[in-house]
Amino acid sequence: MHTYDLSAWQHDHDFVHQHDHAERRTMFVMILTFAMMIGEIVAGTAFGSMALLADGWHMGTHVAAFAIALFAYAYARRHADNPLYSFGSGKVSVLGGFASATALAVIALIMVLESVHRMFESRDILFNEAIAVAVIGLIVNIISAVLLQHPHADNQHHHDHNLRAAYLHVLADAITSVLAIVALLTGKWLGWQWMDPLMGIVGSVIIGRWSYGLIRDTSSILLDAANDTELRSAIRHAIESEDDERICDLHTWDIASGQKAAIIAIVAHSPKTPEDYKQRIAGVYPFAHVTVEIHRCPGDKLPNEKPVCGGIVAAC
């Protein structure tokens, strides 16, 4: 048996190293959020404010979501070279984003239920203390949002669904803090106690919409959905624009955040090499993994005739 150096034709599937920066910032944001959570719970207990206590435990759910994000980063990094994962462990961060989005949806539901309950059962609020803590919470949220939306992470933020989930949790906290401040100020100055639960409902609707969008995006990646019709059309045009080559089978899907793979089956009377076809689609999209399957049609082709193999038209 001959031995060959295959390194020139091999490549790794480690798509995790690009998230190192996001992981460090998520860790710092989780520490900030945890500290604020403890502060709100202690303040709520000391001032007898159920509003502060509720918001403190609400922030605790975001700490749990950040922990999920960090676990996903760490797990994906540790298993980056694990052969059990055919295309690497890049989807682990997507799974973390899906889990965090689900937690965000649960938070939105709890906020609706609590707000509706408070519509019919008002509670005394220590406005001054609650406003002060809410303002501090908003400042912490703004700092956290800036950290997760750092300029060096702009590109990665767009594709890293795990980071996006953490960012949305921070925004959820920020929007609830803003709405809480508005409700507390109107309650203190105008006596509008009903503004507190109303703002809770408004905030839950906004958070629910964010979580729905993230669940939709991450679930499509986890289920290998191929919903990019423009990309598929561009691939067909790049392959079929020359000679008599026709694509008879085409699959494109995400193997990690911002990383795509493709399997292309081509039929032709005089097919080129797989490298030739890979070069043609190189300008279409920077695929992380491409597999080309070639089928040769026997016999001569007629003018303007599409190749037919085994009774299947190649342009199907």
Protein backbone atom coordinates (compact mmCIF):
# COMPACT_ATOMS: atom_id res chain seq x y z
CA MET A 1 0.00 0.00 0.00
CA HIS A 2 1.35 3.40 -0.99
CA THR A 3 1.54 6.19 1.55
CA TYR A 4 0.88 9.77 0.54
CA ASP A 5 1.10 13.17 2.18
CA LEU A 6 -2.57 14.20 2.21
CA SER A 7 -2.10 17.51 4.02
CA ALA A 8 -2.43 19.52 0.80
CA TRP A 9 -5.99 18.23 0.32
CA GLN A 10 -7.11 18.34 3.93
CA HIS A 11 -8.44 21.15 6.10
CA ASP A 12 -9.68 21.45 9.66
CA HIS A 13 -13.18 22.25 10.83
CA ASP A 14 -12.22 24.47 13.74
CA PHE A 15 -14.57 27.45 13.52
CA VAL A 16 -14.43 28.20 17.26
CA HIS A 17 -11.25 30.28 17.59
CA GLN A 18 -13.02 33.30 16.06
CA HIS A 19 -15.24 33.54 19.18
CA ASP A 20 -12.46 33.93 21.78
CA HIS A 21 -13.00 37.69 21.99
CA ALA A 22 -16.77 37.29 22.41
CA GLU A 23 -16.30 34.68 25.13
CA ARG A 24 -14.13 36.98 27.26
CA ARG A 25 -16.59 39.85 26.99
CA THR A 26 -19.57 37.62 27.76
CA MET A 27 -17.77 36.47 30.92
CA PHE A 28 -17.21 40.08 32.02
CA VAL A 29 -20.84 41.00 31.31
CA MET A 30 -22.06 37.99 33.31
CA ILE A 31 -19.98 39.13 36.30
CA LEU A 32 -21.45 42.65 36.05
CA THR A 33 -24.99 41.29 35.77
CA PHE A 34 -24.44 38.91 38.70
CA ALA A 35 -23.17 41.77 40.87
CA MET A 36 -26.22 43.88 39.94
CA MET A 37 -28.51 40.93 40.66
CA ILE A 38 -27.09 40.59 44.20
CA GLY A 39 -27.41 44.35 44.72
CA GLU A 40 -31.08 44.40 43.68
CA ILE A 41 -31.98 41.38 45.83
CA VAL A 42 -30.23 42.87 48.88
CA ALA A 43 -31.80 46.32 48.26
CA GLY A 44 -35.23 44.82 47.71
CA THR A 45 -34.99 42.90 50.96
CA ALA A 46 -33.71 45.93 52.90
CA PHE A 47 -36.29 48.36 51.49
CA GLY A 48 -39.17 45.88 51.48
CA SER A 49 -39.62 46.41 47.74
CA MET A 50 -41.11 43.49 45.82
CA ALA A 51 -40.38 45.33 42.56
CA LEU A 52 -36.64 45.32 43.24
CA LEU A 53 -36.71 41.72 44.42
CA ALA A 54 -38.58 40.64 41.29
CA ASP A 55 -36.15 42.51 39.03
CA GLY A 56 -33.21 41.01 40.91
CA TRP A 57 -34.40 37.46 40.32
CA HIS A 58 -35.27 38.46 36.76
CA MET A 59 -31.62 39.44 36.27
CA GLY A 60 -30.72 36.04 37.72
CA THR A 61 -32.35 34.39 34.72
CA HIS A 62 -30.09 36.48 32.46
CA VAL A 63 -27.05 35.36 34.46
CA ALA A 64 -28.16 31.77 33.79
CA ALA A 65 -28.45 32.59 30.08
CA PHE A 66 -24.92 34.04 30.05
CA ALA A 67 -23.72 30.87 31.78
CA ILE A 68 -25.29 28.84 28.96
CA ALA A 69 -23.47 31.01 26.41
CA LEU A 70 -20.13 30.56 28.19
CA PHE A 71 -20.67 26.80 28.48
CA ALA A 72 -21.36 26.64 24.75
CA TYR A 73 -18.15 28.55 23.95
CA ALA A 74 -16.07 26.37 26.29
CA TYR A 75 -17.59 23.09 25.05
CA ALA A 76 -17.13 24.03 21.40
CA ARG A 77 -13.50 25.00 22.04
CA ARG A 78 -12.69 21.77 23.89
CA HIS A 79 -14.24 19.62 21.16
CA ALA A 80 -13.05 21.65 18.16
CA ASP A 81 -10.93 18.70 16.92
CA ASN A 82 -13.28 15.93 18.05
CA PRO A 83 -13.81 13.57 15.07
CA LEU A 84 -17.30 12.73 16.39
CA TYR A 85 -18.43 16.10 15.01
CA SER A 86 -18.32 15.68 11.24
CA PHE A 87 -18.14 19.40 10.47
CA GLY A 88 -16.64 20.61 13.73
CA SER A 89 -18.33 21.90 16.86
CA GLY A 90 -19.36 25.27 15.44
CA LYS A 91 -23.07 24.57 15.88
CA VAL A 92 -22.66 24.31 19.64
CA SER A 93 -22.66 28.12 19.87
CA VAL A 94 -25.80 28.17 17.70
CA LEU A 95 -27.39 25.68 20.11
CA GLY A 96 -26.40 27.96 22.99
CA GLY A 97 -28.08 30.86 21.20
CA PHE A 98 -31.24 28.79 20.73
CA ALA A 99 -31.29 27.82 24.43
CA SER A 100 -30.80 31.45 25.50
CA ALA A 101 -33.53 32.60 23.10
CA THR A 102 -35.90 30.05 24.63
CA ALA A 103 -35.04 31.37 28.09
CA LEU A 104 -35.72 34.89 26.83
CA ALA A 105 -39.17 33.79 25.62
CA VAL A 106 -39.92 32.27 29.04
CA ILE A 107 -38.86 35.54 30.70
CA ALA A 108 -41.23 37.48 28.43
CA LEU A 109 -44.10 35.14 29.35
CA ILE A 110 -43.38 35.46 33.08
CA MET A 111 -43.30 39.26 32.73
CA VAL A 112 -46.73 39.23 31.07
CA LEU A 113 -48.25 37.03 33.78
CA GLU A 114 -46.73 39.11 36.58
CA SER A 115 -47.82 42.38 34.96
CA VAL A 116 -51.40 41.19 34.46
CA HIS A 117 -51.47 40.00 38.08
CA ARG A 118 -50.32 43.42 39.29
CA MET A 119 -53.05 45.09 37.21
CA PHE A 120 -55.58 43.59 39.62
CA GLU A 121 -53.48 43.53 42.78
CA SER A 122 -51.52 46.76 43.24
CA ARG A 123 -48.63 46.92 45.70
CA ASP A 124 -47.04 49.79 47.56
CA ILE A 125 -43.79 50.87 45.90
CA LEU A 126 -40.88 52.69 47.57
CA PHE A 127 -40.39 54.99 44.59
CA ASN A 128 -37.16 56.76 45.53
CA GLU A 129 -35.24 53.58 46.34
CA ALA A 130 -36.67 51.70 43.36
CA ILE A 131 -35.84 54.54 40.93
CA ALA A 132 -32.25 54.76 42.22
CA VAL A 133 -31.61 51.04 41.80
CA ALA A 134 -33.33 51.00 38.38
CA VAL A 135 -31.04 53.83 37.19
CA ILE A 136 -27.96 51.94 38.41
CA GLY A 137 -29.25 48.83 36.63
CA LEU A 138 -29.69 50.78 33.41
CA ILE A 139 -26.11 52.08 33.61
CA VAL A 140 -24.84 48.52 34.08
CA ASN A 141 -26.92 47.39 31.08
CA ILE A 142 -25.53 50.17 28.88
CA ILE A 143 -21.95 49.25 29.83
CA SER A 144 -22.68 45.58 29.13
CA ALA A 145 -24.26 46.37 25.74
CA VAL A 146 -21.22 48.44 24.73
CA LEU A 147 -18.93 45.58 25.71
CA LEU A 148 -20.87 43.03 23.66
CA GLN A 149 -21.12 45.42 20.70
CA HIS A 150 -17.39 46.21 20.67
CA PRO A 151 -16.09 47.48 17.26
CA HIS A 152 -13.69 44.55 16.91
CA ALA A 153 -16.64 42.15 17.27
CA ASP A 154 -19.02 43.79 14.77
CA ASN A 155 -18.46 41.15 12.09
CA GLN A 156 -18.59 38.33 14.54
CA HIS A 157 -21.65 39.74 16.32
CA HIS A 158 -23.64 39.44 13.10
CA HIS A 159 -22.88 35.72 12.72
CA ASP A 160 -22.33 34.56 16.31
CA HIS A 161 -25.84 33.64 17.48
CA ASN A 162 -24.53 32.83 20.96
CA LEU A 163 -23.15 36.37 21.30
CA ARG A 164 -26.32 37.78 19.77
CA ALA A 165 -28.39 35.96 22.40
CA ALA A 166 -26.24 37.42 25.19
CA TYR A 167 -26.58 40.87 23.61
CA LEU A 168 -30.37 40.53 23.45
CA HIS A 169 -30.48 39.54 27.13
CA VAL A 170 -28.61 42.75 27.94
CA LEU A 171 -30.99 44.76 25.76
CA ALA A 172 -33.93 43.06 27.46
CA ASP A 173 -32.59 44.18 30.83
CA ALA A 174 -31.98 47.70 29.49
CA ILE A 175 -35.48 48.07 28.03
CA THR A 176 -37.08 46.79 31.23
CA SER A 177 -34.97 49.26 33.23
CA VAL A 178 -36.04 52.17 31.00
CA LEU A 179 -39.69 51.17 31.15
CA ALA A 180 -39.43 50.68 34.93
CA ILE A 181 -37.95 54.15 35.37
CA VAL A 182 -40.75 55.68 33.26
CA ALA A 183 -43.38 53.78 35.23
CA LEU A 184 -41.85 54.68 38.61
CA LEU A 185 -41.52 58.38 37.75
CA THR A 186 -45.13 58.64 36.54
CA GLY A 187 -46.25 56.68 39.58
CA LYS A 188 -44.37 58.98 41.94
CA TRP A 189 -45.32 62.30 40.31
CA LEU A 190 -48.76 61.57 38.83
CA GLY A 191 -49.95 58.70 40.99
CA TRP A 192 -50.35 56.42 37.97
CA GLN A 193 -49.76 53.08 39.68
CA TRP A 194 -51.11 51.25 36.64
CA MET A 195 -48.13 52.40 34.57
CA ASP A 196 -45.86 49.86 36.31
CA PRO A 197 -47.70 46.74 35.08
CA LEU A 198 -48.47 48.37 31.70
CA MET A 199 -44.78 49.00 31.03
CA GLY A 200 -44.11 45.41 32.06
CA ILE A 201 -46.47 44.19 29.34
CA VAL A 202 -44.91 46.51 26.75
CA GLY A 203 -41.43 45.27 27.67
CA SER A 204 -42.49 41.63 27.48
CA VAL A 205 -43.90 42.13 23.97
CA ILE A 206 -40.62 43.66 22.78
CA ILE A 207 -38.56 40.89 24.39
CA GLY A 208 -40.89 38.27 22.93
CA ARG A 209 -40.31 39.61 19.42
CA TRP A 210 -36.53 39.50 19.90
CA SER A 211 -36.63 35.94 21.19
CA TYR A 212 -38.86 34.83 18.30
CA GLY A 213 -36.41 36.23 15.74
CA LEU A 214 -33.45 34.53 17.40
CA ILE A 215 -35.29 31.19 17.75
CA ARG A 216 -36.23 31.37 14.06
CA ASP A 217 -32.64 32.08 12.94
CA THR A 218 -30.93 29.51 15.16
CA SER A 219 -33.46 26.74 14.57
CA SER A 220 -33.05 27.05 10.80
CA ILE A 221 -29.30 26.51 11.19
CA LEU A 222 -29.74 23.60 13.62
CA LEU A 223 -32.15 21.93 11.18
CA ASP A 224 -29.83 22.50 8.17
CA ALA A 225 -32.37 24.66 6.39
CA ALA A 226 -31.29 25.78 2.91
CA ASN A 227 -33.28 28.98 2.54
CA ASP A 228 -30.74 31.08 0.62
CA THR A 229 -32.22 30.87 -2.89
CA GLU A 230 -29.98 33.65 -4.22
CA LEU A 231 -26.85 31.73 -3.22
CA ARG A 232 -28.11 28.54 -4.85
CA SER A 233 -28.96 30.43 -8.04
CA ALA A 234 -25.50 32.01 -8.09
CA ILE A 235 -23.87 28.59 -7.74
CA ARG A 236 -25.95 27.20 -10.63
CA HIS A 237 -25.02 30.16 -12.81
CA ALA A 238 -21.30 29.77 -12.01
CA ILE A 239 -21.31 26.07 -12.89
CA GLU A 240 -23.77 25.94 -15.79
CA SER A 241 -22.61 29.04 -17.65
CA GLU A 242 -19.89 27.06 -19.46
CA ASP A 243 -20.11 24.09 -21.84
CA ASP A 244 -22.80 21.52 -21.10
CA GLU A 245 -22.34 21.11 -17.34
CA ARG A 246 -25.55 20.84 -15.37
CA ILE A 247 -26.12 20.56 -11.62
CA CYS A 248 -28.35 17.59 -10.79
CA ASP A 249 -28.12 17.84 -7.01
CA LEU A 250 -27.22 20.81 -4.80
CA HIS A 251 -27.11 21.18 -1.03
CA THR A 252 -25.96 24.23 0.94
CA TRP A 253 -26.24 24.63 4.68
CA ASP A 254 -24.65 26.30 7.72
CA ILE A 255 -22.14 24.19 9.65
CA ALA A 256 -21.38 27.00 12.12
CA SER A 257 -22.26 30.66 12.63
CA GLY A 258 -21.26 32.39 9.40
CA GLN A 259 -19.74 29.20 7.91
CA LYS A 260 -21.40 27.30 5.07
CA ALA A 261 -20.81 23.95 3.36
CA ALA A 262 -21.94 22.74 -0.06
CA ILE A 263 -22.37 19.42 -1.84
CA ILE A 264 -22.70 19.71 -5.61
CA ALA A 265 -23.40 16.87 -8.07
CA ILE A 266 -22.57 17.76 -11.68
CA VAL A 267 -23.45 15.96 -14.91
CA ALA A 268 -21.53 16.62 -18.15
CA HIS A 269 -20.32 14.84 -21.28
CA SER A 270 -16.80 16.14 -20.71
CA PRO A 271 -16.64 17.13 -17.03
CA LYS A 272 -13.78 19.13 -15.59
CA THR A 273 -11.91 18.36 -12.38
CA PRO A 274 -13.46 19.02 -8.98
CA GLU A 275 -10.89 21.77 -8.42
CA ASP A 276 -12.10 23.56 -11.54
CA TYR A 277 -15.67 23.65 -10.26
CA LYS A 278 -14.51 24.74 -6.80
CA GLN A 279 -12.65 27.63 -8.41
CA ARG A 280 -15.81 28.67 -10.25
CA ILE A 281 -17.84 28.99 -7.04
CA ALA A 282 -14.97 30.49 -4.99
CA GLY A 283 -16.15 33.97 -5.95
CA VAL A 284 -19.77 33.18 -5.13
CA TYR A 285 -19.22 32.48 -1.43
CA PRO A 286 -16.20 31.57 0.75
CA PHE A 287 -17.43 28.08 1.63
CA ALA A 288 -15.70 26.35 4.53
CA HIS A 289 -16.30 22.92 3.00
CA VAL A 290 -17.19 21.92 -0.56
CA THR A 291 -17.76 18.41 -1.94
CA VAL A 292 -18.08 17.98 -5.71
CA GLU A 293 -19.56 14.82 -7.21
CA ILE A 294 -19.05 14.34 -10.96
CA HIS A 295 -21.11 12.16 -13.34
CA ARG A 296 -20.00 11.59 -16.93
CA CYS A 297 -22.66 11.10 -19.59
CA PRO A 298 -21.79 8.55 -22.30
CA GLY A 299 -22.23 9.27 -26.01
CA ASP A 300 -22.24 12.46 -27.98
CA LYS A 301 -24.54 15.33 -27.18
CA LEU A 302 -26.78 17.03 -29.71
CA PRO A 303 -26.55 20.82 -30.23
CA ASN A 304 -28.19 22.75 -27.33
CA GLU A 305 -29.09 19.47 -25.64
CA LYS A 306 -28.87 19.16 -21.89
CA PRO A 307 -27.01 16.05 -20.75
CA VAL A 308 -29.20 13.15 -19.65
CA CYS A 309 -27.91 10.32 -17.45
CA GLY A 310 -29.93 7.38 -16.27
CA GLY A 311 -33.11 9.04 -17.51
CA ILE A 312 -32.59 12.09 -15.25
CA VAL A 313 -32.15 15.49 -16.85
CA ALA A 314 -29.14 17.16 -15.30
CA ALA A 315 -30.90 20.48 -14.89
CA CYS A 316 -33.41 19.06 -12.44
